[in-house]
């Protein structure tokens, strides 16, 4: 196999790092690379356990439209086909085409006895250029030889999570049956939320300093109220938007986009005030901006700000190519971003 040339880092946690690039002899064929050996030594056994689950699932979904295809496995991790699509929270499909194809995809998985088990995250759903659906990230997927009660429960939860995405982005398409399904969680799901989920959060957030969904919402839920209260109390600040970004070593940081005419944010001073509200709260980065990007209804474009905070410029360029009317204003915010890290892994990159 020829050398892999990486051009973008998409995600890094204690279990792996996900990159995109190409093989040196096939520059036009984009490939996704999960580097399991990038995980710390203490988490590597579990990282390889998850990687092996993904390998089994990718072999099982071979040929199903809308799923990634396994290319190669080596001592450092996995190569799989690249899926050219837009994450659901950015695509925000509001027509029936995508949801019909997503339901078809789940039916195809069920025929082979596969459950994804991680479809609550909108970033694991993609909209392809032709408007159809795809799924990625099979680390938690299960392959079932028997379609018994346990399998049926997991398959039901996959479907319920698809319907939750539909409720978020196309509520006008919801049917009466789908509304009933959302109102009826499976018994194992209710038990998990009441018991196992709490233990899972304790281990992943406390021991691993890691959270699912790339850290989505966790620190902001705990620390955001104090940060917002302090920043919004300043008459020089018109508005505030908080995003998360991966820290270089572990966990996630809180990045504030502060709408103000001031040219600098006195971060130590604000953090001193924030800790008076919540001694565990901390703002890691604060970028002053003249105007926050917004949707026509006035709501802040949190999807754009999240990409800027995470320094995911490839995805942002793709988004702006579809929305050229906002590109000029957004690029001003991009140019002054504070997170420039490329999260390099020297052993693998030479």
C-alpha atoms as a PDB file:
ATOM      1  CA  UNK A   1       0.000   0.000   0.000  1.00  0.00           C
ATOM      2  CA  UNK A   2       1.366   3.432  -0.912  1.00  0.00           C
ATOM      3  CA  UNK A   3       1.976   6.259   1.570  1.00  0.00           C
ATOM      4  CA  UNK A   4      -1.054   7.994   3.086  1.00  0.00           C
ATOM      5  CA  UNK A   5      -0.962  11.783   2.726  1.00  0.00           C
ATOM      6  CA  UNK A   6      -3.082  13.535   5.372  1.00  0.00           C
ATOM      7  CA  UNK A   7      -4.603  16.933   4.684  1.00  0.00           C
ATOM      8  CA  UNK A   8      -7.276  17.425   7.378  1.00  0.00           C
ATOM      9  CA  UNK A   9      -7.834  16.462  11.013  1.00  0.00           C
ATOM     10  CA  UNK A  10     -11.516  15.998  11.809  1.00  0.00           C
ATOM     11  CA  UNK A  11     -11.688  14.571  15.291  1.00  0.00           C
ATOM     12  CA  UNK A  12      -9.394  13.646  18.146  1.00  0.00           C
ATOM     13  CA  UNK A  13     -10.259  11.947  21.418  1.00  0.00           C
ATOM     14  CA  UNK A  14      -8.672   9.422  23.774  1.00  0.00           C
ATOM     15  CA  UNK A  15      -9.649   6.537  21.469  1.00  0.00           C
ATOM     16  CA  UNK A  16      -8.345   7.665  18.080  1.00  0.00           C
ATOM     17  CA  UNK A  17      -7.714  10.501  15.672  1.00  0.00           C
ATOM     18  CA  UNK A  18      -9.713  10.735  12.458  1.00  0.00           C
ATOM     19  CA  UNK A  19      -8.082  12.270   9.391  1.00  0.00           C
ATOM     20  CA  UNK A  20      -8.804  12.688   5.701  1.00  0.00           C
ATOM     21  CA  UNK A  21      -6.316  12.474   2.852  1.00  0.00           C
ATOM     22  CA  UNK A  22      -5.275  10.275  -0.047  1.00  0.00           C
ATOM     23  CA  UNK A  23      -2.762   7.637  -1.040  1.00  0.00           C
ATOM     24  CA  UNK A  24       0.266   9.075  -2.806  1.00  0.00           C
ATOM     25  CA  UNK A  25      -0.391   7.069  -5.996  1.00  0.00           C
ATOM     26  CA  UNK A  26      -4.127   7.986  -6.043  1.00  0.00           C
ATOM     27  CA  UNK A  27      -4.326  11.722  -5.306  1.00  0.00           C
ATOM     28  CA  UNK A  28      -7.888  12.017  -6.642  1.00  0.00           C
ATOM     29  CA  UNK A  29      -9.311   9.307  -4.359  1.00  0.00           C
ATOM     30  CA  UNK A  30     -10.119  10.715  -0.918  1.00  0.00           C
ATOM     31  CA  UNK A  31      -9.704   8.339   2.032  1.00  0.00           C
ATOM     32  CA  UNK A  32     -10.611   8.476   5.733  1.00  0.00           C
ATOM     33  CA  UNK A  33      -8.031   7.330   8.266  1.00  0.00           C
ATOM     34  CA  UNK A  34      -8.736   6.399  11.913  1.00  0.00           C
ATOM     35  CA  UNK A  35      -5.413   6.334  13.793  1.00  0.00           C
ATOM     36  CA  UNK A  36      -5.950   4.128  16.836  1.00  0.00           C
ATOM     37  CA  UNK A  37      -2.282   4.178  17.838  1.00  0.00           C
ATOM     38  CA  UNK A  38      -2.615   7.937  18.417  1.00  0.00           C
ATOM     39  CA  UNK A  39      -4.534   7.165  21.606  1.00  0.00           C
ATOM     40  CA  UNK A  40      -2.711   7.317  24.956  1.00  0.00           C
ATOM     41  CA  UNK A  41      -1.228   4.039  26.202  1.00  0.00           C
ATOM     42  CA  UNK A  42      -3.677   3.834  29.087  1.00  0.00           C
ATOM     43  CA  UNK A  43      -6.727   3.943  26.793  1.00  0.00           C
ATOM     44  CA  UNK A  44      -5.310   1.936  23.895  1.00  0.00           C
ATOM     45  CA  UNK A  45      -6.812  -1.474  24.817  1.00  0.00           C
ATOM     46  CA  UNK A  46     -10.310   0.019  24.792  1.00  0.00           C
ATOM     47  CA  UNK A  47      -9.443   2.030  21.669  1.00  0.00           C
ATOM     48  CA  UNK A  48      -8.559  -1.168  19.803  1.00  0.00           C
ATOM     49  CA  UNK A  49     -11.686  -2.869  21.154  1.00  0.00           C
ATOM     50  CA  UNK A  50     -13.782  -0.110  19.573  1.00  0.00           C
ATOM     51  CA  UNK A  51     -11.720  -0.218  16.381  1.00  0.00           C
ATOM     52  CA  UNK A  52     -12.280  -3.965  16.044  1.00  0.00           C
ATOM     53  CA  UNK A  53     -16.019  -3.429  16.419  1.00  0.00           C
ATOM     54  CA  UNK A  54     -15.820  -0.911  13.589  1.00  0.00           C
ATOM     55  CA  UNK A  55     -13.797  -3.294  11.418  1.00  0.00           C
ATOM     56  CA  UNK A  56     -16.376  -6.076  11.856  1.00  0.00           C
ATOM     57  CA  UNK A  57     -19.231  -3.693  11.079  1.00  0.00           C
ATOM     58  CA  UNK A  58     -17.540  -2.231   7.984  1.00  0.00           C
ATOM     59  CA  UNK A  59     -17.014  -5.726   6.624  1.00  0.00           C
ATOM     60  CA  UNK A  60     -20.690  -6.494   7.283  1.00  0.00           C
ATOM     61  CA  UNK A  61     -22.040  -3.367   5.528  1.00  0.00           C
ATOM     62  CA  UNK A  62     -19.997  -3.870   2.366  1.00  0.00           C
ATOM     63  CA  UNK A  63     -22.044  -2.902  -0.663  1.00  0.00           C
ATOM     64  CA  UNK A  64     -24.820  -1.055   1.211  1.00  0.00           C
ATOM     65  CA  UNK A  65     -25.394   2.355  -0.368  1.00  0.00           C
ATOM     66  CA  UNK A  66     -24.671   5.151   2.082  1.00  0.00           C
ATOM     67  CA  UNK A  67     -22.119   3.304   4.216  1.00  0.00           C
ATOM     68  CA  UNK A  68     -18.308   3.601   4.251  1.00  0.00           C
ATOM     69  CA  UNK A  69     -16.292   0.733   2.835  1.00  0.00           C
ATOM     70  CA  UNK A  70     -13.267  -0.788   4.562  1.00  0.00           C
ATOM     71  CA  UNK A  71     -10.048  -0.402   2.549  1.00  0.00           C
ATOM     72  CA  UNK A  72      -7.237  -1.621   4.787  1.00  0.00           C
ATOM     73  CA  UNK A  73      -6.285  -2.330   8.405  1.00  0.00           C
ATOM     74  CA  UNK A  74      -2.725  -1.863   9.645  1.00  0.00           C
ATOM     75  CA  UNK A  75      -0.941  -1.676  13.007  1.00  0.00           C
ATOM     76  CA  UNK A  76      -1.921   1.975  13.455  1.00  0.00           C
ATOM     77  CA  UNK A  77      -5.599   1.776  12.576  1.00  0.00           C
ATOM     78  CA  UNK A  78      -8.112   1.735   9.750  1.00  0.00           C
ATOM     79  CA  UNK A  79      -8.413   3.096   6.223  1.00  0.00           C
ATOM     80  CA  UNK A  80     -11.937   3.419   4.851  1.00  0.00           C
ATOM     81  CA  UNK A  81     -13.568   5.050   1.872  1.00  0.00           C
ATOM     82  CA  UNK A  82     -14.344   8.744   2.177  1.00  0.00           C
ATOM     83  CA  UNK A  83     -18.015   9.704   2.176  1.00  0.00           C
ATOM     84  CA  UNK A  84     -18.509  13.014   0.396  1.00  0.00           C
ATOM     85  CA  UNK A  85     -21.367  14.574   2.297  1.00  0.00           C
ATOM     86  CA  UNK A  86     -22.475  17.256   4.736  1.00  0.00           C
ATOM     87  CA  UNK A  87     -23.143  16.457   8.420  1.00  0.00           C
ATOM     88  CA  UNK A  88     -26.813  16.616   9.275  1.00  0.00           C
ATOM     89  CA  UNK A  89     -26.522  19.545  11.682  1.00  0.00           C
ATOM     90  CA  UNK A  90     -25.045  21.583   8.815  1.00  0.00           C
ATOM     91  CA  UNK A  91     -27.196  20.249   5.969  1.00  0.00           C
ATOM     92  CA  UNK A  92     -30.455  20.565   7.960  1.00  0.00           C
ATOM     93  CA  UNK A  93     -32.589  18.698   5.359  1.00  0.00           C
ATOM     94  CA  UNK A  94     -36.189  19.871   5.364  1.00  0.00           C
ATOM     95  CA  UNK A  95     -37.636  17.763   2.538  1.00  0.00           C
ATOM     96  CA  UNK A  96     -38.841  14.163   2.512  1.00  0.00           C
ATOM     97  CA  UNK A  97     -36.174  12.838   0.102  1.00  0.00           C
ATOM     98  CA  UNK A  98     -33.374  12.561   2.641  1.00  0.00           C
ATOM     99  CA  UNK A  99     -35.555  11.000   5.350  1.00  0.00           C
ATOM    100  CA  UNK A 100     -36.980   8.390   2.977  1.00  0.00           C
ATOM    101  CA  UNK A 101     -33.475   7.340   1.967  1.00  0.00           C
ATOM    102  CA  UNK A 102     -32.305   7.313   5.592  1.00  0.00           C
ATOM    103  CA  UNK A 103     -35.154   4.921   6.418  1.00  0.00           C
ATOM    104  CA  UNK A 104     -34.100   2.765   3.446  1.00  0.00           C
ATOM    105  CA  UNK A 105     -30.550   2.694   4.789  1.00  0.00           C
ATOM    106  CA  UNK A 106     -31.766   1.468   8.199  1.00  0.00           C
ATOM    107  CA  UNK A 107     -33.821  -1.260   6.475  1.00  0.00           C
ATOM    108  CA  UNK A 108     -30.704  -2.401   4.577  1.00  0.00           C
ATOM    109  CA  UNK A 109     -28.758  -2.572   7.834  1.00  0.00           C
ATOM    110  CA  UNK A 110     -31.554  -4.548   9.499  1.00  0.00           C
ATOM    111  CA  UNK A 111     -31.597  -7.101   6.689  1.00  0.00           C
ATOM    112  CA  UNK A 112     -27.976  -7.895   7.562  1.00  0.00           C
ATOM    113  CA  UNK A 113     -28.561  -7.870  11.302  1.00  0.00           C
ATOM    114  CA  UNK A 114     -26.568  -4.679  11.920  1.00  0.00           C
ATOM    115  CA  UNK A 115     -27.426  -1.921  14.368  1.00  0.00           C
ATOM    116  CA  UNK A 116     -25.443   1.317  14.429  1.00  0.00           C
ATOM    117  CA  UNK A 117     -26.122   2.270  18.082  1.00  0.00           C
ATOM    118  CA  UNK A 118     -24.808   5.834  17.752  1.00  0.00           C
ATOM    119  CA  UNK A 119     -27.338   7.638  15.578  1.00  0.00           C
ATOM    120  CA  UNK A 120     -28.393  10.162  18.199  1.00  0.00           C
ATOM    121  CA  UNK A 121     -25.428  12.257  17.003  1.00  0.00           C
ATOM    122  CA  UNK A 122     -26.346  14.319  13.924  1.00  0.00           C
ATOM    123  CA  UNK A 123     -22.674  14.330  12.885  1.00  0.00           C
ATOM    124  CA  UNK A 124     -22.923  10.575  12.230  1.00  0.00           C
ATOM    125  CA  UNK A 125     -25.593  11.238   9.565  1.00  0.00           C
ATOM    126  CA  UNK A 126     -24.604  12.825   6.249  1.00  0.00           C
ATOM    127  CA  UNK A 127     -26.455  14.326   3.314  1.00  0.00           C
ATOM    128  CA  UNK A 128     -24.782  13.267   0.077  1.00  0.00           C
ATOM    129  CA  UNK A 129     -24.447  15.644  -2.901  1.00  0.00           C
ATOM    130  CA  UNK A 130     -27.417  13.916  -4.576  1.00  0.00           C
ATOM    131  CA  UNK A 131     -29.605  14.527  -1.516  1.00  0.00           C
ATOM    132  CA  UNK A 132     -29.512  10.943  -0.247  1.00  0.00           C
ATOM    133  CA  UNK A 133     -28.463   9.703   3.192  1.00  0.00           C
ATOM    134  CA  UNK A 134     -25.291   8.150   4.563  1.00  0.00           C
ATOM    135  CA  UNK A 135     -24.010   7.114   7.988  1.00  0.00           C
ATOM    136  CA  UNK A 136     -20.456   7.018   9.352  1.00  0.00           C
ATOM    137  CA  UNK A 137     -18.621   6.065  12.571  1.00  0.00           C
ATOM    138  CA  UNK A 138     -19.365   2.396  13.229  1.00  0.00           C
ATOM    139  CA  UNK A 139     -17.285   2.136  16.425  1.00  0.00           C
ATOM    140  CA  UNK A 140     -20.322   1.196  18.524  1.00  0.00           C
ATOM    141  CA  UNK A 141     -22.121  -0.849  15.860  1.00  0.00           C
ATOM    142  CA  UNK A 142     -23.284  -4.428  16.542  1.00  0.00           C
ATOM    143  CA  UNK A 143     -23.479  -7.402  14.195  1.00  0.00           C
ATOM    144  CA  UNK A 144     -26.230  -9.827  15.255  1.00  0.00           C
ATOM    145  CA  UNK A 145     -26.456 -13.436  14.147  1.00  0.00           C
ATOM    146  CA  UNK A 146     -29.880 -13.798  15.733  1.00  0.00           C
ATOM    147  CA  UNK A 147     -32.595 -11.190  15.458  1.00  0.00           C
ATOM    148  CA  UNK A 148     -33.934 -11.687  18.951  1.00  0.00           C
ATOM    149  CA  UNK A 149     -35.342  -9.238  21.469  1.00  0.00           C
ATOM    150  CA  UNK A 150     -32.018  -7.511  22.132  1.00  0.00           C
ATOM    151  CA  UNK A 151     -31.432  -6.931  18.421  1.00  0.00           C
ATOM    152  CA  UNK A 152     -34.983  -5.647  17.924  1.00  0.00           C
ATOM    153  CA  UNK A 153     -34.543  -3.203  20.798  1.00  0.00           C
ATOM    154  CA  UNK A 154     -31.351  -1.769  19.330  1.00  0.00           C
ATOM    155  CA  UNK A 155     -32.910  -1.556  15.853  1.00  0.00           C
ATOM    156  CA  UNK A 156     -35.909   0.257  17.349  1.00  0.00           C
ATOM    157  CA  UNK A 157     -33.577   2.767  19.007  1.00  0.00           C
ATOM    158  CA  UNK A 158     -31.776   3.376  15.692  1.00  0.00           C
ATOM    159  CA  UNK A 159     -35.132   4.190  14.119  1.00  0.00           C
ATOM    160  CA  UNK A 160     -36.178   6.377  17.033  1.00  0.00           C
ATOM    161  CA  UNK A 161     -32.967   8.386  16.745  1.00  0.00           C
ATOM    162  CA  UNK A 162     -33.595   8.947  13.032  1.00  0.00           C
ATOM    163  CA  UNK A 163     -37.051  10.266  13.879  1.00  0.00           C
ATOM    164  CA  UNK A 164     -35.505  12.577  16.485  1.00  0.00           C
ATOM    165  CA  UNK A 165     -33.305  14.052  13.754  1.00  0.00           C
ATOM    166  CA  UNK A 166     -36.410  14.538  11.635  1.00  0.00           C
ATOM    167  CA  UNK A 167     -38.117  16.335  14.510  1.00  0.00           C
ATOM    168  CA  UNK A 168     -35.099  18.650  14.850  1.00  0.00           C
ATOM    169  CA  UNK A 169     -34.724  19.602  11.188  1.00  0.00           C
ATOM    170  CA  UNK A 170     -38.074  18.873   9.512  1.00  0.00           C
ATOM    171  CA  UNK A 171     -40.821  18.844  12.167  1.00  0.00           C
ATOM    172  CA  UNK A 172     -43.423  19.614   9.522  1.00  0.00           C
ATOM    173  CA  UNK A 173     -42.797  16.156   7.991  1.00  0.00           C
ATOM    174  CA  UNK A 174     -43.492  14.241  11.208  1.00  0.00           C
ATOM    175  CA  UNK A 175     -46.281  11.662  11.025  1.00  0.00           C
ATOM    176  CA  UNK A 176     -48.601  10.642  13.850  1.00  0.00           C
ATOM    177  CA  UNK A 177     -46.859   7.256  14.066  1.00  0.00           C
ATOM    178  CA  UNK A 178     -43.436   8.890  14.354  1.00  0.00           C
ATOM    179  CA  UNK A 179     -44.676  11.133  17.148  1.00  0.00           C
ATOM    180  CA  UNK A 180     -45.908   8.064  19.031  1.00  0.00           C
ATOM    181  CA  UNK A 181     -42.546   6.331  18.570  1.00  0.00           C
ATOM    182  CA  UNK A 182     -40.695   9.317  20.034  1.00  0.00           C
ATOM    183  CA  UNK A 183     -43.000   9.315  23.009  1.00  0.00           C
ATOM    184  CA  UNK A 184     -42.276   5.634  23.696  1.00  0.00           C
ATOM    185  CA  UNK A 185     -38.677   4.846  24.622  1.00  0.00           C
ATOM    186  CA  UNK A 186     -37.833   1.176  24.888  1.00  0.00           C
ATOM    187  CA  UNK A 187     -37.555  -0.258  28.414  1.00  0.00           C
ATOM    188  CA  UNK A 188     -33.792  -0.951  28.085  1.00  0.00           C
ATOM    189  CA  UNK A 189     -33.314   2.640  26.942  1.00  0.00           C
ATOM    190  CA  UNK A 190     -35.158   3.981  29.985  1.00  0.00           C
ATOM    191  CA  UNK A 191     -33.132   1.746  32.302  1.00  0.00           C
ATOM    192  CA  UNK A 192     -29.881   2.838  30.598  1.00  0.00           C
ATOM    193  CA  UNK A 193     -30.704   6.525  30.987  1.00  0.00           C
ATOM    194  CA  UNK A 194     -31.558   6.039  34.658  1.00  0.00           C
ATOM    195  CA  UNK A 195     -28.561   3.882  35.584  1.00  0.00           C
ATOM    196  CA  UNK A 196     -25.889   2.908  33.055  1.00  0.00           C
ATOM    197  CA  UNK A 197     -25.728   6.320  31.387  1.00  0.00           C
ATOM    198  CA  UNK A 198     -24.751   7.916  34.691  1.00  0.00           C
ATOM    199  CA  UNK A 199     -21.918   5.421  35.185  1.00  0.00           C
ATOM    200  CA  UNK A 200     -20.846   5.893  31.543  1.00  0.00           C
ATOM    201  CA  UNK A 201     -20.718   9.673  32.010  1.00  0.00           C
ATOM    202  CA  UNK A 202     -18.757   9.299  35.242  1.00  0.00           C
ATOM    203  CA  UNK A 203     -16.123   7.155  33.526  1.00  0.00           C
ATOM    204  CA  UNK A 204     -15.854   8.982  30.193  1.00  0.00           C
ATOM    205  CA  UNK A 205     -16.068  12.526  31.548  1.00  0.00           C
ATOM    206  CA  UNK A 206     -14.256  11.968  34.824  1.00  0.00           C
ATOM    207  CA  UNK A 207     -11.648   9.269  34.169  1.00  0.00           C
ATOM    208  CA  UNK A 208     -11.122   9.790  30.423  1.00  0.00           C
ATOM    209  CA  UNK A 209     -11.852  13.550  30.263  1.00  0.00           C
ATOM    210  CA  UNK A 210     -13.808  12.629  27.145  1.00  0.00           C
ATOM    211  CA  UNK A 211     -17.435  12.852  26.125  1.00  0.00           C
ATOM    212  CA  UNK A 212     -19.413  11.471  23.240  1.00  0.00           C
ATOM    213  CA  UNK A 213     -20.596  13.702  20.411  1.00  0.00           C
ATOM    214  CA  UNK A 214     -17.121  15.243  20.307  1.00  0.00           C
ATOM    215  CA  UNK A 215     -17.861  16.888  23.617  1.00  0.00           C
ATOM    216  CA  UNK A 216     -21.081  18.463  22.370  1.00  0.00           C
ATOM    217  CA  UNK A 217     -22.876  20.399  25.071  1.00  0.00           C
ATOM    218  CA  UNK A 218     -21.250  18.915  28.186  1.00  0.00           C
ATOM    219  CA  UNK A 219     -18.969  21.735  29.401  1.00  0.00           C
ATOM    220  CA  UNK A 220     -21.271  24.381  28.010  1.00  0.00           C
ATOM    221  CA  UNK A 221     -24.182  22.952  29.990  1.00  0.00           C
ATOM    222  CA  UNK A 222     -22.154  22.983  33.214  1.00  0.00           C
ATOM    223  CA  UNK A 223     -20.158  26.193  32.808  1.00  0.00           C
ATOM    224  CA  UNK A 224     -22.045  28.167  30.149  1.00  0.00           C
ATOM    225  CA  UNK A 225     -24.580  29.869  32.448  1.00  0.00           C
ATOM    226  CA  UNK A 226     -21.836  31.516  34.547  1.00  0.00           C
ATOM    227  CA  UNK A 227     -19.837  32.524  31.455  1.00  0.00           C
ATOM    228  CA  UNK A 228     -22.871  34.008  29.738  1.00  0.00           C
ATOM    229  CA  UNK A 229     -23.971  35.869  32.854  1.00  0.00           C
ATOM    230  CA  UNK A 230     -20.607  37.598  33.290  1.00  0.00           C
ATOM    231  CA  UNK A 231     -20.023  38.440  29.629  1.00  0.00           C
ATOM    232  CA  UNK A 232     -23.548  39.674  28.975  1.00  0.00           C
ATOM    233  CA  UNK A 233     -23.391  41.936  32.045  1.00  0.00           C
ATOM    234  CA  UNK A 234     -20.730  44.033  30.277  1.00  0.00           C
ATOM    235  CA  UNK A 235     -22.456  46.931  28.434  1.00  0.00           C
ATOM    236  CA  UNK A 236     -19.737  46.833  25.748  1.00  0.00           C
ATOM    237  CA  UNK A 237     -20.834  43.319  24.736  1.00  0.00           C
ATOM    238  CA  UNK A 238     -23.889  42.978  22.515  1.00  0.00           C
ATOM    239  CA  UNK A 239     -24.107  39.188  22.281  1.00  0.00           C
ATOM    240  CA  UNK A 240     -22.180  36.000  23.059  1.00  0.00           C
ATOM    241  CA  UNK A 241     -22.024  32.569  21.401  1.00  0.00           C
ATOM    242  CA  UNK A 242     -20.189  29.626  22.972  1.00  0.00           C
ATOM    243  CA  UNK A 243     -18.616  26.731  21.082  1.00  0.00           C
ATOM    244  CA  UNK A 244     -16.420  23.779  21.976  1.00  0.00           C
ATOM    245  CA  UNK A 245     -13.085  22.775  20.473  1.00  0.00           C
ATOM    246  CA  UNK A 246     -10.646  19.901  21.156  1.00  0.00           C
ATOM    247  CA  UNK A 247      -7.825  20.777  23.494  1.00  0.00           C
ATOM    248  CA  UNK A 248      -4.338  19.749  22.304  1.00  0.00           C
ATOM    249  CA  UNK A 249      -3.908  17.071  24.970  1.00  0.00           C
ATOM    250  CA  UNK A 250      -7.316  15.987  26.214  1.00  0.00           C
ATOM    251  CA  UNK A 251     -10.899  17.100  26.659  1.00  0.00           C
ATOM    252  CA  UNK A 252     -12.567  20.148  25.159  1.00  0.00           C
ATOM    253  CA  UNK A 253     -12.234  23.886  25.651  1.00  0.00           C
ATOM    254  CA  UNK A 254     -14.884  26.591  25.656  1.00  0.00           C
ATOM    255  CA  UNK A 255     -14.463  29.198  22.905  1.00  0.00           C
ATOM    256  CA  UNK A 256     -16.517  32.397  23.125  1.00  0.00           C
ATOM    257  CA  UNK A 257     -17.383  34.548  20.130  1.00  0.00           C
ATOM    258  CA  UNK A 258     -18.069  37.957  21.669  1.00  0.00           C
ATOM    259  CA  UNK A 259     -20.002  40.519  19.627  1.00  0.00           C
ATOM    260  CA  UNK A 260     -18.434  43.845  20.578  1.00  0.00           C
ATOM    261  CA  UNK A 261     -16.622  46.862  19.172  1.00  0.00           C
ATOM    262  CA  UNK A 262     -13.709  46.244  21.535  1.00  0.00           C
ATOM    263  CA  UNK A 263     -10.554  44.901  19.876  1.00  0.00           C
ATOM    264  CA  UNK A 264      -9.412  42.688  22.751  1.00  0.00           C
ATOM    265  CA  UNK A 265     -10.993  40.566  25.474  1.00  0.00           C
ATOM    266  CA  UNK A 266      -9.317  40.584  28.902  1.00  0.00           C
ATOM    267  CA  UNK A 267      -9.642  36.832  29.450  1.00  0.00           C
ATOM    268  CA  UNK A 268      -7.994  36.628  32.914  1.00  0.00           C
ATOM    269  CA  UNK A 269     -10.214  39.420  34.214  1.00  0.00           C
ATOM    270  CA  UNK A 270     -13.391  37.809  32.887  1.00  0.00           C
ATOM    271  CA  UNK A 271     -12.370  34.387  34.223  1.00  0.00           C
ATOM    272  CA  UNK A 272     -11.863  35.874  37.674  1.00  0.00           C
ATOM    273  CA  UNK A 273     -15.454  37.146  37.568  1.00  0.00           C
ATOM    274  CA  UNK A 274     -16.730  33.872  36.108  1.00  0.00           C
ATOM    275  CA  UNK A 275     -15.200  31.824  38.935  1.00  0.00           C
ATOM    276  CA  UNK A 276     -17.078  33.961  41.456  1.00  0.00           C
ATOM    277  CA  UNK A 277     -20.261  32.668  39.821  1.00  0.00           C
ATOM    278  CA  UNK A 278     -19.042  29.068  39.407  1.00  0.00           C
ATOM    279  CA  UNK A 279     -15.663  28.091  40.799  1.00  0.00           C
ATOM    280  CA  UNK A 280     -15.371  25.235  38.266  1.00  0.00           C
ATOM    281  CA  UNK A 281     -16.160  27.386  35.219  1.00  0.00           C
ATOM    282  CA  UNK A 282     -13.461  28.639  32.878  1.00  0.00           C
ATOM    283  CA  UNK A 283     -13.384  30.335  29.488  1.00  0.00           C
ATOM    284  CA  UNK A 284     -10.473  29.066  27.373  1.00  0.00           C
ATOM    285  CA  UNK A 285     -10.628  31.430  24.385  1.00  0.00           C
ATOM    286  CA  UNK A 286     -12.585  34.588  23.617  1.00  0.00           C
ATOM    287  CA  UNK A 287     -12.628  36.186  20.169  1.00  0.00           C
ATOM    288  CA  UNK A 288     -14.114  39.664  19.673  1.00  0.00           C
ATOM    289  CA  UNK A 289     -16.212  39.956  16.493  1.00  0.00           C
ATOM    290  CA  UNK A 290     -18.041  42.934  15.022  1.00  0.00           C
ATOM    291  CA  UNK A 291     -21.070  40.852  14.113  1.00  0.00           C
ATOM    292  CA  UNK A 292     -21.978  37.228  14.737  1.00  0.00           C
ATOM    293  CA  UNK A 293     -23.141  35.324  11.623  1.00  0.00           C
ATOM    294  CA  UNK A 294     -26.892  34.803  11.742  1.00  0.00           C
ATOM    295  CA  UNK A 295     -29.729  33.040   9.958  1.00  0.00           C
ATOM    296  CA  UNK A 296     -32.569  35.033   8.365  1.00  0.00           C
ATOM    297  CA  UNK A 297     -34.639  34.555  11.536  1.00  0.00           C
ATOM    298  CA  UNK A 298     -31.897  36.219  13.598  1.00  0.00           C
ATOM    299  CA  UNK A 299     -30.599  33.086  15.327  1.00  0.00           C
ATOM    300  CA  UNK A 300     -26.828  32.717  15.546  1.00  0.00           C
ATOM    301  CA  UNK A 301     -25.153  30.399  13.039  1.00  0.00           C
ATOM    302  CA  UNK A 302     -23.773  28.053  15.687  1.00  0.00           C
ATOM    303  CA  UNK A 303     -22.840  25.548  12.947  1.00  0.00           C
ATOM    304  CA  UNK A 304     -20.434  28.070  11.398  1.00  0.00           C
ATOM    305  CA  UNK A 305     -18.986  29.184  14.725  1.00  0.00           C
ATOM    306  CA  UNK A 306     -18.391  25.592  15.783  1.00  0.00           C
ATOM    307  CA  UNK A 307     -16.312  24.947  12.662  1.00  0.00           C
ATOM    308  CA  UNK A 308     -14.283  28.107  13.241  1.00  0.00           C
ATOM    309  CA  UNK A 309     -13.679  27.227  16.892  1.00  0.00           C
ATOM    310  CA  UNK A 310     -12.495  23.754  15.894  1.00  0.00           C
ATOM    311  CA  UNK A 311     -10.326  25.132  13.066  1.00  0.00           C
ATOM    312  CA  UNK A 312     -12.136  22.926  10.543  1.00  0.00           C
ATOM    313  CA  UNK A 313     -11.538  25.131   7.549  1.00  0.00           C
ATOM    314  CA  UNK A 314     -12.094  22.487   4.864  1.00  0.00           C
ATOM    315  CA  UNK A 315     -15.662  21.847   6.017  1.00  0.00           C
ATOM    316  CA  UNK A 316     -16.263  25.578   6.408  1.00  0.00           C
ATOM    317  CA  UNK A 317     -15.051  26.329   2.882  1.00  0.00           C
ATOM    318  CA  UNK A 318     -17.440  23.662   1.626  1.00  0.00           C
ATOM    319  CA  UNK A 319     -20.314  25.250   3.544  1.00  0.00           C
ATOM    320  CA  UNK A 320     -19.509  28.751   2.312  1.00  0.00           C
ATOM    321  CA  UNK A 321     -19.342  27.560  -1.292  1.00  0.00           C
ATOM    322  CA  UNK A 322     -23.036  26.723  -0.924  1.00  0.00           C
ATOM    323  CA  UNK A 323     -23.853  30.032   0.808  1.00  0.00           C
ATOM    324  CA  UNK A 324     -21.762  32.683  -0.983  1.00  0.00           C
ATOM    325  CA  UNK A 325     -23.940  35.543   0.283  1.00  0.00           C
ATOM    326  CA  UNK A 326     -22.534  35.195   3.804  1.00  0.00           C
ATOM    327  CA  UNK A 327     -18.990  34.191   2.843  1.00  0.00           C
ATOM    328  CA  UNK A 328     -17.396  37.655   3.045  1.00  0.00           C
ATOM    329  CA  UNK A 329     -18.602  38.343   6.601  1.00  0.00           C
ATOM    330  CA  UNK A 330     -17.760  34.855   7.827  1.00  0.00           C
ATOM    331  CA  UNK A 331     -14.247  35.011   6.381  1.00  0.00           C
ATOM    332  CA  UNK A 332     -13.543  38.068   8.540  1.00  0.00           C
ATOM    333  CA  UNK A 333     -14.305  35.970  11.614  1.00  0.00           C
ATOM    334  CA  UNK A 334     -12.260  33.078  10.208  1.00  0.00           C
ATOM    335  CA  UNK A 335      -9.226  35.285   9.624  1.00  0.00           C
ATOM    336  CA  UNK A 336      -9.109  36.360  13.272  1.00  0.00           C
ATOM    337  CA  UNK A 337      -9.744  32.930  14.813  1.00  0.00           C
ATOM    338  CA  UNK A 338      -7.718  31.996  17.878  1.00  0.00           C
ATOM    339  CA  UNK A 339      -7.459  28.224  17.497  1.00  0.00           C
ATOM    340  CA  UNK A 340      -4.858  27.445  14.833  1.00  0.00           C
ATOM    341  CA  UNK A 341      -3.756  24.037  16.062  1.00  0.00           C
ATOM    342  CA  UNK A 342      -3.412  21.222  13.510  1.00  0.00           C
ATOM    343  CA  UNK A 343      -3.236  18.582  16.278  1.00  0.00           C
ATOM    344  CA  UNK A 344      -0.194  16.919  14.742  1.00  0.00           C
ATOM    345  CA  UNK A 345       0.986  13.431  15.663  1.00  0.00           C
ATOM    346  CA  UNK A 346       4.706  13.508  15.063  1.00  0.00           C
ATOM    347  CA  UNK A 347       5.388   9.744  15.213  1.00  0.00           C
ATOM    348  CA  UNK A 348       3.056   9.063  12.300  1.00  0.00           C
ATOM    349  CA  UNK A 349       3.824  12.158  10.266  1.00  0.00           C
ATOM    350  CA  UNK A 350       7.612  12.067  10.417  1.00  0.00           C
END
